[in-house]
PDB file of N, CA and C in Angstrom:
ATOM      1  N   UNK A   1      -1.374  20.706 -29.511  1.00  0.00           N
ATOM      2  CA  UNK A   1      -0.558  18.806 -29.538  1.00  0.00           C
ATOM      3  C   UNK A   1       0.394  18.702 -29.184  1.00  0.00           C
ATOM      4  N   UNK A   2       1.373  19.713 -28.641  1.00  0.00           N
ATOM      5  CA  UNK A   2       2.500  19.616 -28.188  1.00  0.00           C
ATOM      6  C   UNK A   2       2.687  19.535 -26.536  1.00  0.00           C
ATOM      7  N   UNK A   3       1.784  20.644 -26.087  1.00  0.00           N
ATOM      8  CA  UNK A   3       1.429  20.247 -24.567  1.00  0.00           C
ATOM      9  C   UNK A   3       1.004  19.055 -24.255  1.00  0.00           C
ATOM     10  N   UNK A   4       0.318  18.287 -25.026  1.00  0.00           N
ATOM     11  CA  UNK A   4      -0.512  17.159 -24.776  1.00  0.00           C
ATOM     12  C   UNK A   4       0.582  15.573 -25.002  1.00  0.00           C
ATOM     13  N   UNK A   5       1.443  15.754 -26.003  1.00  0.00           N
ATOM     14  CA  UNK A   5       2.272  15.111 -25.679  1.00  0.00           C
ATOM     15  C   UNK A   5       3.353  15.424 -24.503  1.00  0.00           C
ATOM     16  N   UNK A   6       3.285  16.243 -24.385  1.00  0.00           N
ATOM     17  CA  UNK A   6       4.798  16.665 -23.052  1.00  0.00           C
ATOM     18  C   UNK A   6       4.140  16.081 -21.582  1.00  0.00           C
ATOM     19  N   UNK A   7       2.303  16.285 -21.703  1.00  0.00           N
ATOM     20  CA  UNK A   7       1.715  15.968 -20.197  1.00  0.00           C
ATOM     21  C   UNK A   7       1.771  14.050 -20.684  1.00  0.00           C
ATOM     22  N   UNK A   8       1.972  13.865 -21.578  1.00  0.00           N
ATOM     23  CA  UNK A   8       1.846  12.531 -21.664  1.00  0.00           C
ATOM     24  C   UNK A   8       3.083  11.897 -21.266  1.00  0.00           C
ATOM     25  N   UNK A   9       3.945  12.266 -21.855  1.00  0.00           N
ATOM     26  CA  UNK A   9       5.497  12.435 -21.435  1.00  0.00           C
ATOM     27  C   UNK A   9       6.074  12.093 -19.817  1.00  0.00           C
ATOM     28  N   UNK A  10       5.373  13.047 -19.948  1.00  0.00           N
ATOM     29  CA  UNK A  10       5.440  13.639 -17.879  1.00  0.00           C
ATOM     30  C   UNK A  10       5.088  12.242 -17.106  1.00  0.00           C
ATOM     31  N   UNK A  11       3.852  12.074 -17.285  1.00  0.00           N
ATOM     32  CA  UNK A  11       2.869  11.158 -16.232  1.00  0.00           C
ATOM     33  C   UNK A  11       3.800   9.757 -16.761  1.00  0.00           C
ATOM     34  N   UNK A  12       3.781   9.217 -17.764  1.00  0.00           N
ATOM     35  CA  UNK A  12       4.541   8.061 -17.963  1.00  0.00           C
ATOM     36  C   UNK A  12       5.697   8.158 -17.312  1.00  0.00           C
ATOM     37  N   UNK A  13       6.276   8.921 -17.249  1.00  0.00           N
ATOM     38  CA  UNK A  13       7.763   9.232 -16.561  1.00  0.00           C
ATOM     39  C   UNK A  13       7.396   9.138 -14.920  1.00  0.00           C
ATOM     40  N   UNK A  14       6.528   9.723 -14.534  1.00  0.00           N
ATOM     41  CA  UNK A  14       5.928   9.705 -12.991  1.00  0.00           C
ATOM     42  C   UNK A  14       5.827   8.382 -12.612  1.00  0.00           C
ATOM     43  N   UNK A  15       4.709   7.556 -13.730  1.00  0.00           N
ATOM     44  CA  UNK A  15       4.428   6.376 -13.219  1.00  0.00           C
ATOM     45  C   UNK A  15       5.618   5.390 -12.997  1.00  0.00           C
ATOM     46  N   UNK A  16       6.668   5.437 -13.748  1.00  0.00           N
ATOM     47  CA  UNK A  16       7.584   4.725 -13.946  1.00  0.00           C
ATOM     48  C   UNK A  16       8.646   4.667 -13.019  1.00  0.00           C
ATOM     49  N   UNK A  17       8.555   5.754 -12.597  1.00  0.00           N
ATOM     50  CA  UNK A  17       9.315   6.218 -11.160  1.00  0.00           C
ATOM     51  C   UNK A  17       8.566   5.711  -9.603  1.00  0.00           C
ATOM     52  N   UNK A  18       7.377   5.712 -10.210  1.00  0.00           N
ATOM     53  CA  UNK A  18       6.525   5.506  -8.480  1.00  0.00           C
ATOM     54  C   UNK A  18       6.425   3.711  -8.989  1.00  0.00           C
ATOM     55  N   UNK A  19       6.380   2.634  -9.955  1.00  0.00           N
ATOM     56  CA  UNK A  19       6.608   1.543  -9.879  1.00  0.00           C
ATOM     57  C   UNK A  19       7.654   1.381  -9.833  1.00  0.00           C
ATOM     58  N   UNK A  20       8.884   1.920  -9.911  1.00  0.00           N
ATOM     59  CA  UNK A  20      10.500   1.372  -9.455  1.00  0.00           C
ATOM     60  C   UNK A  20      10.344   1.727  -8.219  1.00  0.00           C
ATOM     61  N   UNK A  21       9.897   2.259  -7.546  1.00  0.00           N
ATOM     62  CA  UNK A  21       9.769   2.648  -6.017  1.00  0.00           C
ATOM     63  C   UNK A  21       9.330   1.692  -5.395  1.00  0.00           C
ATOM     64  N   UNK A  22       7.892   1.399  -5.975  1.00  0.00           N
ATOM     65  CA  UNK A  22       7.073   0.282  -5.317  1.00  0.00           C
ATOM     66  C   UNK A  22       7.588  -1.036  -5.345  1.00  0.00           C
ATOM     67  N   UNK A  23       8.489  -1.337  -6.129  1.00  0.00           N
ATOM     68  CA  UNK A  23       9.097  -2.872  -6.534  1.00  0.00           C
ATOM     69  C   UNK A  23      10.511  -2.330  -5.481  1.00  0.00           C
ATOM     70  N   UNK A  24      10.582  -1.372  -5.511  1.00  0.00           N
ATOM     71  CA  UNK A  24      11.952  -1.265  -3.869  1.00  0.00           C
ATOM     72  C   UNK A  24      11.046  -2.050  -2.668  1.00  0.00           C
ATOM     73  N   UNK A  25      10.087  -1.461  -2.489  1.00  0.00           N
ATOM     74  CA  UNK A  25       9.226  -1.813  -1.178  1.00  0.00           C
ATOM     75  C   UNK A  25       8.727  -3.427  -1.431  1.00  0.00           C
ATOM     76  N   UNK A  26       9.360  -4.249  -1.895  1.00  0.00           N
ATOM     77  CA  UNK A  26       7.919  -5.548  -2.585  1.00  0.00           C
ATOM     78  C   UNK A  26       8.988  -6.337  -1.580  1.00  0.00           C
ATOM     79  N   UNK A  27       8.441  -7.409  -0.821  1.00  0.00           N
ATOM     80  CA  UNK A  27       9.907  -8.262  -0.045  1.00  0.00           C
ATOM     81  C   UNK A  27      10.375  -9.305  -1.221  1.00  0.00           C
ATOM     82  N   UNK A  28      10.907  -8.677  -2.311  1.00  0.00           N
ATOM     83  CA  UNK A  28      11.454  -9.793  -2.975  1.00  0.00           C
ATOM     84  C   UNK A  28      13.072  -9.910  -2.793  1.00  0.00           C
ATOM     85  N   UNK A  29      13.962 -10.851  -3.137  1.00  0.00           N
ATOM     86  CA  UNK A  29      15.191 -11.158  -2.876  1.00  0.00           C
ATOM     87  C   UNK A  29      16.416 -10.245  -4.279  1.00  0.00           C
ATOM     88  N   UNK A  30      16.965 -10.179  -3.879  1.00  0.00           N
ATOM     89  CA  UNK A  30      17.684  -9.237  -4.927  1.00  0.00           C
ATOM     90  C   UNK A  30      17.978  -9.403  -6.258  1.00  0.00           C
ATOM     91  N   UNK A  31      18.074 -10.136  -7.015  1.00  0.00           N
ATOM     92  CA  UNK A  31      18.403 -10.788  -7.981  1.00  0.00           C
ATOM     93  C   UNK A  31      16.832 -10.784  -8.852  1.00  0.00           C
ATOM     94  N   UNK A  32      15.422 -10.846  -8.260  1.00  0.00           N
ATOM     95  CA  UNK A  32      14.674 -11.204  -8.527  1.00  0.00           C
ATOM     96  C   UNK A  32      13.962  -9.309  -8.291  1.00  0.00           C
ATOM     97  N   UNK A  33      14.373  -8.614  -7.898  1.00  0.00           N
ATOM     98  CA  UNK A  33      14.349  -7.139  -7.345  1.00  0.00           C
ATOM     99  C   UNK A  33      14.840  -6.897  -9.045  1.00  0.00           C
ATOM    100  N   UNK A  34      15.871  -7.078  -9.153  1.00  0.00           N
ATOM    101  CA  UNK A  34      16.486  -6.635 -10.495  1.00  0.00           C
ATOM    102  C   UNK A  34      15.951  -6.537 -11.621  1.00  0.00           C
ATOM    103  N   UNK A  35      14.888  -8.002 -11.680  1.00  0.00           N
ATOM    104  CA  UNK A  35      14.972  -8.175 -13.133  1.00  0.00           C
ATOM    105  C   UNK A  35      13.711  -7.703 -13.169  1.00  0.00           C
ATOM    106  N   UNK A  36      12.921  -7.198 -11.864  1.00  0.00           N
ATOM    107  CA  UNK A  36      11.500  -6.940 -12.364  1.00  0.00           C
ATOM    108  C   UNK A  36      11.780  -4.989 -12.669  1.00  0.00           C
ATOM    109  N   UNK A  37      12.711  -4.313 -11.881  1.00  0.00           N
ATOM    110  CA  UNK A  37      13.518  -3.432 -12.278  1.00  0.00           C
ATOM    111  C   UNK A  37      14.010  -3.474 -13.301  1.00  0.00           C
ATOM    112  N   UNK A  38      14.464  -4.321 -14.077  1.00  0.00           N
ATOM    113  CA  UNK A  38      14.969  -4.238 -15.903  1.00  0.00           C
ATOM    114  C   UNK A  38      13.750  -4.123 -16.348  1.00  0.00           C
ATOM    115  N   UNK A  39      12.763  -5.151 -16.139  1.00  0.00           N
ATOM    116  CA  UNK A  39      11.328  -4.827 -17.224  1.00  0.00           C
ATOM    117  C   UNK A  39      10.471  -3.858 -16.887  1.00  0.00           C
ATOM    118  N   UNK A  40      10.344  -3.044 -15.460  1.00  0.00           N
ATOM    119  CA  UNK A  40       9.602  -2.038 -15.736  1.00  0.00           C
ATOM    120  C   UNK A  40      10.684  -0.629 -16.495  1.00  0.00           C
ATOM    121  N   UNK A  41      11.697  -0.553 -16.771  1.00  0.00           N
ATOM    122  CA  UNK A  41      12.731   0.367 -17.089  1.00  0.00           C
ATOM    123  C   UNK A  41      12.278  -0.044 -18.557  1.00  0.00           C
ATOM    124  N   UNK A  42      12.305  -1.888 -18.888  1.00  0.00           N
ATOM    125  CA  UNK A  42      12.180  -1.328 -20.579  1.00  0.00           C
ATOM    126  C   UNK A  42      10.833  -0.994 -21.145  1.00  0.00           C
ATOM    127  N   UNK A  43       9.796  -1.331 -20.464  1.00  0.00           N
ATOM    128  CA  UNK A  43       8.445  -1.020 -20.550  1.00  0.00           C
ATOM    129  C   UNK A  43       8.412   0.761 -20.877  1.00  0.00           C
ATOM    130  N   UNK A  44       9.119   0.957 -19.544  1.00  0.00           N
ATOM    131  CA  UNK A  44       8.666   2.559 -19.746  1.00  0.00           C
ATOM    132  C   UNK A  44       9.505   3.276 -20.835  1.00  0.00           C
ATOM    133  N   UNK A  45      10.463   2.835 -21.266  1.00  0.00           N
ATOM    134  CA  UNK A  45      11.308   3.168 -22.376  1.00  0.00           C
ATOM    135  C   UNK A  45      10.774   3.142 -23.273  1.00  0.00           C
ATOM    136  N   UNK A  46       9.882   1.836 -24.162  1.00  0.00           N
ATOM    137  CA  UNK A  46       9.264   1.687 -24.928  1.00  0.00           C
ATOM    138  C   UNK A  46       7.403   2.622 -24.787  1.00  0.00           C
ATOM    139  N   UNK A  47       6.917   2.976 -24.040  1.00  0.00           N
ATOM    140  CA  UNK A  47       6.137   3.651 -23.792  1.00  0.00           C
ATOM    141  C   UNK A  47       6.527   5.373 -24.024  1.00  0.00           C
ATOM    142  N   UNK A  48       7.896   5.357 -23.719  1.00  0.00           N
ATOM    143  CA  UNK A  48       8.360   6.531 -23.883  1.00  0.00           C
ATOM    144  C   UNK A  48       8.069   6.996 -25.645  1.00  0.00           C
ATOM    145  N   UNK A  49       8.803   6.142 -25.870  1.00  0.00           N
ATOM    146  CA  UNK A  49       9.280   6.037 -27.396  1.00  0.00           C
ATOM    147  C   UNK A  49       7.944   5.827 -28.172  1.00  0.00           C
ATOM    148  N   UNK A  50       6.752   4.925 -27.621  1.00  0.00           N
ATOM    149  CA  UNK A  50       5.691   5.891 -28.453  1.00  0.00           C
ATOM    150  C   UNK A  50       5.051   6.684 -28.602  1.00  0.00           C
ATOM    151  N   UNK A  51       5.475   7.687 -27.329  1.00  0.00           N
ATOM    152  CA  UNK A  51       4.575   9.381 -27.078  1.00  0.00           C
ATOM    153  C   UNK A  51       5.597  10.179 -28.262  1.00  0.00           C
ATOM    154  N   UNK A  52       6.967   9.488 -28.563  1.00  0.00           N
ATOM    155  CA  UNK A  52       7.783  10.368 -29.387  1.00  0.00           C
ATOM    156  C   UNK A  52       7.471   9.918 -30.908  1.00  0.00           C
ATOM    157  N   UNK A  53       6.512   9.018 -30.971  1.00  0.00           N
ATOM    158  CA  UNK A  53       6.007   8.382 -32.304  1.00  0.00           C
ATOM    159  C   UNK A  53       7.245   7.893 -32.788  1.00  0.00           C
ATOM    160  N   UNK A  54       8.092   7.182 -32.432  1.00  0.00           N
ATOM    161  CA  UNK A  54       8.997   6.414 -33.130  1.00  0.00           C
ATOM    162  C   UNK A  54       8.470   4.937 -33.452  1.00  0.00           C
ATOM    163  N   UNK A  55       7.341   4.500 -32.884  1.00  0.00           N
ATOM    164  CA  UNK A  55       6.872   3.218 -33.161  1.00  0.00           C
ATOM    165  C   UNK A  55       5.520   3.765 -33.739  1.00  0.00           C
TER     166      UNK A  55
END
């Protein structure tokens, strides 16, 4: 059980990093890119908290 939770957290963290990298590569202006990054980080934190059974 603990190993599957750890793998889920690791995969979620890697997906967040990948999405943030891809957002950097998009041809958006700086303000829009920052908004998208904040949204991705918030969604990532909520996902990680769900793996830790906070929600």
